[in-house]
Amino acid sequence: MEWPKGYATRPEIDQSLGNGRRPADFAQDRTRLVAVIEQVVKRPPHLPWAPHPGFGPLTTREVMRWGYLHADHHLRQFGV
């Protein structure tokens, strides 16, 4: 299933509203992203996750699936 076109970004992460993390240096941003992904996948699975702002509480399996789909969406968005 594709993400709907024109779906509004949640206000708490919308960069046009001054929120979220703005891009800076591509190489540094990429290094930081890889480090965050590594932290997430190494996290003990029994620890609870903060509720997702749109989906509410998720299991570790659901968080990992959402993370994959979210990253895939953005990679496709930019033709990677």
Protein backbone atom coordinates (compact mmCIF):
# COMPACT_ATOMS: atom_id res chain seq x y z
CA MET A 1 0.00 0.00 0.00
CA GLU A 2 1.39 3.40 -0.93
CA TRP A 3 1.28 6.37 1.41
CA PRO A 4 -1.43 8.77 0.20
CA LYS A 5 -0.20 11.76 -1.79
CA GLY A 6 -0.59 15.12 -0.06
CA TYR A 7 -0.97 13.62 3.43
CA ALA A 8 -0.18 16.37 5.94
CA THR A 9 2.94 16.07 8.10
CA ARG A 10 2.22 15.94 11.82
CA PRO A 11 2.74 19.45 13.28
CA GLU A 12 5.26 18.32 15.90
CA ILE A 13 7.71 17.24 13.17
CA ASP A 14 6.75 19.61 10.35
CA GLN A 15 9.90 21.49 9.33
CA SER A 16 7.85 24.21 7.65
CA LEU A 17 6.60 25.08 11.15
CA GLY A 18 10.12 25.16 12.58
CA ASN A 19 9.90 21.67 14.13
CA GLY A 20 11.74 18.43 13.46
CA ARG A 21 15.39 18.24 12.46
CA ARG A 22 16.49 20.37 9.55
CA PRO A 23 19.00 18.96 7.05
CA ALA A 24 22.53 20.30 7.41
CA ASP A 25 25.57 18.53 6.00
CA PHE A 26 24.49 15.44 4.02
CA ALA A 27 27.42 13.23 5.12
CA GLN A 28 26.93 14.15 8.79
CA ASP A 29 23.15 13.69 8.54
CA ARG A 30 23.62 10.27 6.93
CA THR A 31 26.11 9.21 9.61
CA ARG A 32 23.69 10.31 12.33
CA LEU A 33 20.79 8.46 10.67
CA VAL A 34 22.79 5.23 10.41
CA ALA A 35 23.77 5.54 14.09
CA VAL A 36 20.14 6.05 15.15
CA ILE A 37 18.98 3.06 13.08
CA GLU A 38 21.70 0.92 14.68
CA GLN A 39 20.56 2.01 18.16
CA VAL A 40 16.95 1.15 17.36
CA VAL A 41 17.66 -2.34 16.02
CA LYS A 42 19.99 -3.15 18.95
CA ARG A 43 17.44 -2.01 21.55
CA PRO A 44 16.27 -4.83 23.85
CA PRO A 45 12.89 -5.98 22.49
CA HIS A 46 11.27 -6.25 25.94
CA LEU A 47 11.51 -2.50 26.60
CA PRO A 48 8.31 -0.55 25.91
CA TRP A 49 8.18 2.01 23.11
CA ALA A 50 6.68 5.47 23.43
CA PRO A 51 3.26 5.54 21.75
CA HIS A 52 3.32 6.53 18.08
CA PRO A 53 1.56 9.90 17.62
CA GLY A 54 -0.75 8.49 14.95
CA PHE A 55 -0.96 4.77 15.69
CA GLY A 56 -0.73 4.73 19.49
CA PRO A 57 1.08 1.93 21.35
CA LEU A 58 3.02 -0.47 19.11
CA THR A 59 4.85 -3.73 19.76
CA THR A 60 8.55 -4.01 18.89
CA ARG A 61 7.61 -5.95 15.75
CA GLU A 62 5.16 -3.21 14.73
CA VAL A 63 7.72 -0.46 15.42
CA MET A 64 10.30 -2.24 13.28
CA ARG A 65 7.79 -2.73 10.45
CA TRP A 66 6.69 0.92 10.65
CA GLY A 67 10.34 2.05 10.65
CA TYR A 68 11.08 0.00 7.56
CA LEU A 69 8.02 1.29 5.72
CA HIS A 70 8.72 4.88 6.75
CA ALA A 71 12.35 4.74 5.62
CA ASP A 72 11.34 3.02 2.37
CA HIS A 73 8.77 5.73 1.72
CA HIS A 74 11.37 8.49 2.02
CA LEU A 75 14.00 6.63 0.02
CA ARG A 76 11.48 6.16 -2.80
CA GLN A 77 10.38 9.78 -2.43
CA PHE A 78 13.92 10.89 -3.27
CA GLY A 79 14.59 8.19 -5.87
CA VAL A 80 17.14 6.24 -3.83
